Structure formats: structure tokens, C-alpha cells
N, C-alpha and C. Protein backbone atom coordinates (compact mmCIF):
# COMPACT_ATOMS: atom_id res chain seq x y z
N UNK A 1 141.85 103.58 104.88
CA UNK A 1 140.76 103.22 103.98
C UNK A 1 141.33 102.35 102.86
N UNK A 2 140.66 101.26 102.59
CA UNK A 2 141.09 100.36 101.53
C UNK A 2 140.63 100.87 100.17
N UNK A 3 141.51 100.82 99.21
CA UNK A 3 141.17 101.27 97.86
C UNK A 3 140.95 100.03 96.99
N UNK A 4 139.84 99.97 96.34
CA UNK A 4 139.57 98.86 95.43
C UNK A 4 140.23 99.18 94.09
N UNK A 5 140.96 98.25 93.62
CA UNK A 5 141.68 98.44 92.35
C UNK A 5 141.11 97.54 91.26
N UNK A 6 141.44 97.88 90.06
CA UNK A 6 141.02 97.11 88.88
C UNK A 6 139.50 97.00 88.77
N UNK A 7 138.80 98.02 89.19
CA UNK A 7 137.36 98.06 89.02
C UNK A 7 137.03 98.99 87.87
N UNK A 8 136.19 98.53 87.00
CA UNK A 8 135.73 99.38 85.92
C UNK A 8 134.53 100.17 86.41
N UNK A 9 134.61 101.46 86.30
CA UNK A 9 133.49 102.31 86.70
C UNK A 9 132.69 102.63 85.45
N UNK A 10 131.45 102.20 85.47
CA UNK A 10 130.58 102.46 84.32
C UNK A 10 129.81 103.74 84.57
N UNK A 11 129.71 104.51 83.55
CA UNK A 11 128.90 105.72 83.64
C UNK A 11 127.56 105.41 82.98
N UNK A 12 126.52 105.87 83.60
CA UNK A 12 125.20 105.61 83.04
C UNK A 12 124.66 104.27 83.50
N UNK A 13 123.63 103.83 82.83
CA UNK A 13 122.95 102.61 83.25
C UNK A 13 123.36 101.42 82.40
N UNK A 14 123.14 100.24 82.96
CA UNK A 14 123.42 98.98 82.29
C UNK A 14 122.08 98.37 81.93
N UNK A 15 121.78 98.30 80.64
CA UNK A 15 120.48 97.78 80.19
C UNK A 15 120.29 96.34 80.65
N UNK A 16 121.37 95.57 80.72
CA UNK A 16 121.27 94.18 81.16
C UNK A 16 120.78 94.10 82.61
N UNK A 17 121.27 94.98 83.47
CA UNK A 17 120.83 94.98 84.87
C UNK A 17 119.37 95.41 84.97
N UNK A 18 119.01 96.42 84.20
CA UNK A 18 117.61 96.86 84.21
C UNK A 18 116.71 95.72 83.73
N UNK A 19 117.15 95.00 82.70
CA UNK A 19 116.37 93.88 82.18
C UNK A 19 116.20 92.78 83.23
N UNK A 20 117.25 92.48 83.98
CA UNK A 20 117.17 91.46 85.02
C UNK A 20 116.20 91.87 86.12
N UNK A 21 116.29 93.12 86.54
CA UNK A 21 115.40 93.63 87.59
C UNK A 21 113.96 93.61 87.08
N UNK A 22 113.76 94.06 85.85
CA UNK A 22 112.42 94.09 85.23
C UNK A 22 111.83 92.69 85.18
N UNK A 23 112.63 91.72 84.72
CA UNK A 23 112.16 90.34 84.59
C UNK A 23 111.79 89.77 85.96
N UNK A 24 112.59 90.05 86.98
CA UNK A 24 112.30 89.57 88.32
C UNK A 24 110.97 90.15 88.82
N UNK A 25 110.74 91.43 88.55
CA UNK A 25 109.49 92.06 88.96
C UNK A 25 108.29 91.48 88.19
N UNK A 26 108.48 91.21 86.91
CA UNK A 26 107.41 90.61 86.10
C UNK A 26 107.08 89.21 86.61
N UNK A 27 108.12 88.43 86.90
CA UNK A 27 107.91 87.06 87.37
C UNK A 27 107.22 87.04 88.74
N UNK A 28 107.57 87.99 89.59
CA UNK A 28 106.95 88.06 90.91
C UNK A 28 105.46 88.38 90.77
N UNK A 29 105.13 89.34 89.91
CA UNK A 29 103.74 89.67 89.66
C UNK A 29 103.03 90.39 90.79
N UNK A 30 103.69 90.59 91.89
CA UNK A 30 103.10 91.26 93.04
C UNK A 30 104.20 92.01 93.78
N UNK A 31 103.89 92.52 94.96
CA UNK A 31 104.89 93.23 95.74
C UNK A 31 106.02 92.29 96.12
N UNK A 32 107.26 92.77 95.97
CA UNK A 32 108.43 91.96 96.32
C UNK A 32 109.46 92.85 97.01
N UNK A 33 110.17 92.27 97.96
CA UNK A 33 111.18 93.00 98.73
C UNK A 33 112.45 93.18 97.89
N UNK A 34 113.17 94.26 98.11
CA UNK A 34 114.40 94.55 97.36
C UNK A 34 115.41 93.40 97.50
N UNK A 35 115.51 92.82 98.70
CA UNK A 35 116.45 91.71 98.91
C UNK A 35 116.06 90.50 98.05
N UNK A 36 114.78 90.29 97.85
CA UNK A 36 114.32 89.19 97.00
C UNK A 36 114.66 89.46 95.53
N UNK A 37 114.52 90.71 95.10
CA UNK A 37 114.92 91.07 93.73
C UNK A 37 116.40 90.80 93.55
N UNK A 38 117.19 91.17 94.54
CA UNK A 38 118.63 90.94 94.51
C UNK A 38 118.94 89.45 94.38
N UNK A 39 118.24 88.63 95.17
CA UNK A 39 118.46 87.19 95.13
C UNK A 39 118.07 86.61 93.77
N UNK A 40 116.96 87.07 93.23
CA UNK A 40 116.47 86.54 91.95
C UNK A 40 117.38 86.92 90.78
N UNK A 41 118.00 88.09 90.86
CA UNK A 41 118.79 88.60 89.73
C UNK A 41 120.29 88.31 89.86
N UNK A 42 120.75 88.11 91.10
CA UNK A 42 122.19 87.96 91.31
C UNK A 42 122.91 89.29 91.34
N UNK A 43 122.15 90.38 91.43
CA UNK A 43 122.72 91.73 91.49
C UNK A 43 122.76 92.16 92.95
N UNK A 44 123.85 92.80 93.36
CA UNK A 44 124.00 93.27 94.72
C UNK A 44 122.79 94.12 95.13
N UNK A 45 122.37 93.97 96.37
CA UNK A 45 121.18 94.68 96.86
C UNK A 45 121.31 96.19 96.76
N UNK A 46 122.49 96.71 97.05
CA UNK A 46 122.70 98.16 96.95
C UNK A 46 122.56 98.63 95.50
N UNK A 47 123.03 97.81 94.58
CA UNK A 47 122.91 98.14 93.15
C UNK A 47 121.45 98.11 92.73
N UNK A 48 120.70 97.13 93.21
CA UNK A 48 119.26 97.05 92.90
C UNK A 48 118.56 98.31 93.42
N UNK A 49 118.88 98.70 94.65
CA UNK A 49 118.28 99.91 95.21
C UNK A 49 118.61 101.14 94.36
N UNK A 50 119.88 101.23 93.93
CA UNK A 50 120.32 102.36 93.11
C UNK A 50 119.53 102.42 91.81
N UNK A 51 119.40 101.29 91.13
CA UNK A 51 118.66 101.26 89.86
C UNK A 51 117.19 101.60 90.08
N UNK A 52 116.59 101.07 91.14
CA UNK A 52 115.18 101.38 91.42
C UNK A 52 114.98 102.85 91.72
N UNK A 53 115.89 103.43 92.51
CA UNK A 53 115.75 104.83 92.91
C UNK A 53 116.14 105.81 91.81
N UNK A 54 117.22 105.50 91.09
CA UNK A 54 117.77 106.47 90.17
C UNK A 54 117.25 106.32 88.73
N UNK A 55 117.09 105.09 88.27
CA UNK A 55 116.70 104.88 86.87
C UNK A 55 115.26 104.42 86.68
N UNK A 56 114.66 103.80 87.69
CA UNK A 56 113.36 103.17 87.48
C UNK A 56 112.21 103.73 88.32
N UNK A 57 112.31 104.91 88.90
CA UNK A 57 111.19 105.35 89.77
C UNK A 57 109.87 105.54 89.01
N UNK A 58 109.94 105.82 87.70
CA UNK A 58 108.72 106.02 86.92
C UNK A 58 108.06 104.68 86.57
N UNK A 59 108.83 103.59 86.66
CA UNK A 59 108.33 102.29 86.23
C UNK A 59 107.82 101.42 87.37
N UNK A 60 108.11 101.81 88.61
CA UNK A 60 107.73 100.95 89.74
C UNK A 60 106.91 101.71 90.78
N UNK A 61 106.10 100.94 91.48
CA UNK A 61 105.41 101.43 92.66
C UNK A 61 106.22 100.97 93.86
N UNK A 62 106.31 101.82 94.89
CA UNK A 62 107.06 101.45 96.08
C UNK A 62 106.16 101.64 97.29
N UNK A 63 106.27 100.69 98.20
CA UNK A 63 105.50 100.75 99.43
C UNK A 63 106.47 100.56 100.59
N UNK A 64 106.62 101.60 101.40
CA UNK A 64 107.54 101.52 102.54
C UNK A 64 106.83 100.85 103.71
N UNK A 65 107.54 99.89 104.31
CA UNK A 65 106.99 99.18 105.46
C UNK A 65 107.01 100.09 106.68
N UNK A 66 108.14 100.76 106.90
CA UNK A 66 108.28 101.69 108.01
C UNK A 66 109.13 102.86 107.53
N UNK A 67 108.76 104.09 107.87
CA UNK A 67 109.49 105.26 107.36
C UNK A 67 110.93 105.38 107.85
N UNK A 68 111.22 104.80 109.01
CA UNK A 68 112.56 104.97 109.58
C UNK A 68 113.56 103.91 109.13
N UNK A 69 113.09 102.83 108.52
CA UNK A 69 114.01 101.80 108.03
C UNK A 69 113.86 101.64 106.52
N UNK A 70 114.84 101.01 105.91
CA UNK A 70 114.88 100.94 104.45
C UNK A 70 114.10 99.77 103.86
N UNK A 71 113.26 99.14 104.63
CA UNK A 71 112.50 98.01 104.10
C UNK A 71 111.34 98.55 103.27
N UNK A 72 111.28 98.10 102.05
CA UNK A 72 110.19 98.53 101.17
C UNK A 72 109.87 97.43 100.19
N UNK A 73 108.66 97.47 99.69
CA UNK A 73 108.20 96.50 98.70
C UNK A 73 108.08 97.21 97.36
N UNK A 74 108.36 96.48 96.30
CA UNK A 74 108.39 97.05 94.94
C UNK A 74 107.51 96.20 94.03
N UNK A 75 106.89 96.84 93.06
CA UNK A 75 106.21 96.13 91.97
C UNK A 75 106.24 97.01 90.74
N UNK A 76 106.12 96.39 89.57
CA UNK A 76 106.03 97.16 88.33
C UNK A 76 104.68 97.85 88.27
N UNK A 77 104.68 99.05 87.74
CA UNK A 77 103.40 99.74 87.53
C UNK A 77 102.67 99.02 86.41
N UNK A 78 101.36 98.95 86.49
CA UNK A 78 100.58 98.28 85.43
C UNK A 78 100.78 98.97 84.08
N UNK A 79 100.85 98.17 83.04
CA UNK A 79 100.92 98.69 81.69
C UNK A 79 102.30 99.16 81.24
N UNK A 80 103.34 98.89 82.03
CA UNK A 80 104.69 99.32 81.65
C UNK A 80 105.25 98.40 80.57
N UNK A 81 105.93 99.00 79.59
CA UNK A 81 106.54 98.25 78.49
C UNK A 81 108.04 98.44 78.56
N UNK A 82 108.79 97.33 78.62
CA UNK A 82 110.23 97.39 78.80
C UNK A 82 110.93 98.13 77.66
N UNK A 83 110.61 97.81 76.43
CA UNK A 83 111.28 98.43 75.29
C UNK A 83 111.08 99.95 75.27
N UNK A 84 109.88 100.40 75.54
CA UNK A 84 109.60 101.84 75.57
C UNK A 84 110.33 102.52 76.71
N UNK A 85 110.39 101.83 77.86
CA UNK A 85 111.06 102.38 79.03
C UNK A 85 112.55 102.57 78.76
N UNK A 86 113.20 101.55 78.20
CA UNK A 86 114.64 101.64 77.90
C UNK A 86 114.89 102.70 76.83
N UNK A 87 114.01 102.79 75.86
CA UNK A 87 114.15 103.82 74.82
C UNK A 87 114.09 105.21 75.44
N UNK A 88 113.18 105.42 76.37
CA UNK A 88 113.08 106.71 77.05
C UNK A 88 114.35 107.01 77.85
N UNK A 89 114.91 106.00 78.52
CA UNK A 89 116.16 106.19 79.26
C UNK A 89 117.30 106.59 78.33
N UNK A 90 117.35 105.95 77.17
CA UNK A 90 118.39 106.29 76.18
C UNK A 90 118.25 107.73 75.71
N UNK A 91 117.02 108.16 75.48
CA UNK A 91 116.79 109.55 75.05
C UNK A 91 117.24 110.53 76.13
N UNK A 92 116.90 110.25 77.37
CA UNK A 92 117.30 111.12 78.48
C UNK A 92 118.82 111.16 78.58
N UNK A 93 119.45 110.01 78.44
CA UNK A 93 120.91 109.93 78.50
C UNK A 93 121.56 110.79 77.41
N UNK A 94 121.02 110.73 76.21
CA UNK A 94 121.56 111.50 75.10
C UNK A 94 121.38 113.01 75.31
N UNK A 95 120.24 113.40 75.87
CA UNK A 95 119.99 114.81 76.14
C UNK A 95 120.95 115.33 77.20
N UNK A 96 121.22 114.55 78.22
CA UNK A 96 122.12 114.96 79.30
C UNK A 96 123.55 115.12 78.81
N UNK A 97 123.94 114.37 77.79
CA UNK A 97 125.30 114.46 77.25
C UNK A 97 125.55 115.80 76.58
N UNK A 98 124.52 116.40 76.05
CA UNK A 98 124.66 117.65 75.29
C UNK A 98 124.81 118.84 76.16
């Protein structure tokens, strides 16, 4: 097994990545595929999936194309505010530290 060296492992979320994903979803304005979000943001597709699943499930609607494959469409839920969402994530992060 190959070991990747000189990689910084970040704990928690990266607000910049969330902002890029959020902006891509806002610009799309409709359902968009995860691979398209990845292309629009320059963020690896697996990372986009991780952020959508782990940090952003309350902010997005997801529509699975087929239950057996990982193809799904994403859109922002109506009325979501980026600043409030990030503030809530920060609060959750602080509570988990304690």
C-alpha cells in the first residue's frame, strides 16, 4: 500500500470549500449532478460528496437517480442563507469540542 506523505490533514470543515460548493449550487439554480459541482468548484468529487453528506445535508435537497448507484442530483433548499448556515456549523463544531 502506498503511503501519501506531506499531506496536511485538516480536522473539521473548510469554510472556503463550503462557500465554493454553495456558490456553484446557487449559480446552477436547479438540480445539478455532483460531478458538475466538482467541475464548477475545482474540488475533488469525493470531497464534494463528503461535504454534501457530512456537513451540508440540512442545506440541500438530494434526488437519487437509481438506488443502487451513486448518481444523484443536488440543489440548495429554498430560503437557505449561507452566513447563518456557516454560523450554525461553527456552533456545532464548538459544542463537539467540549
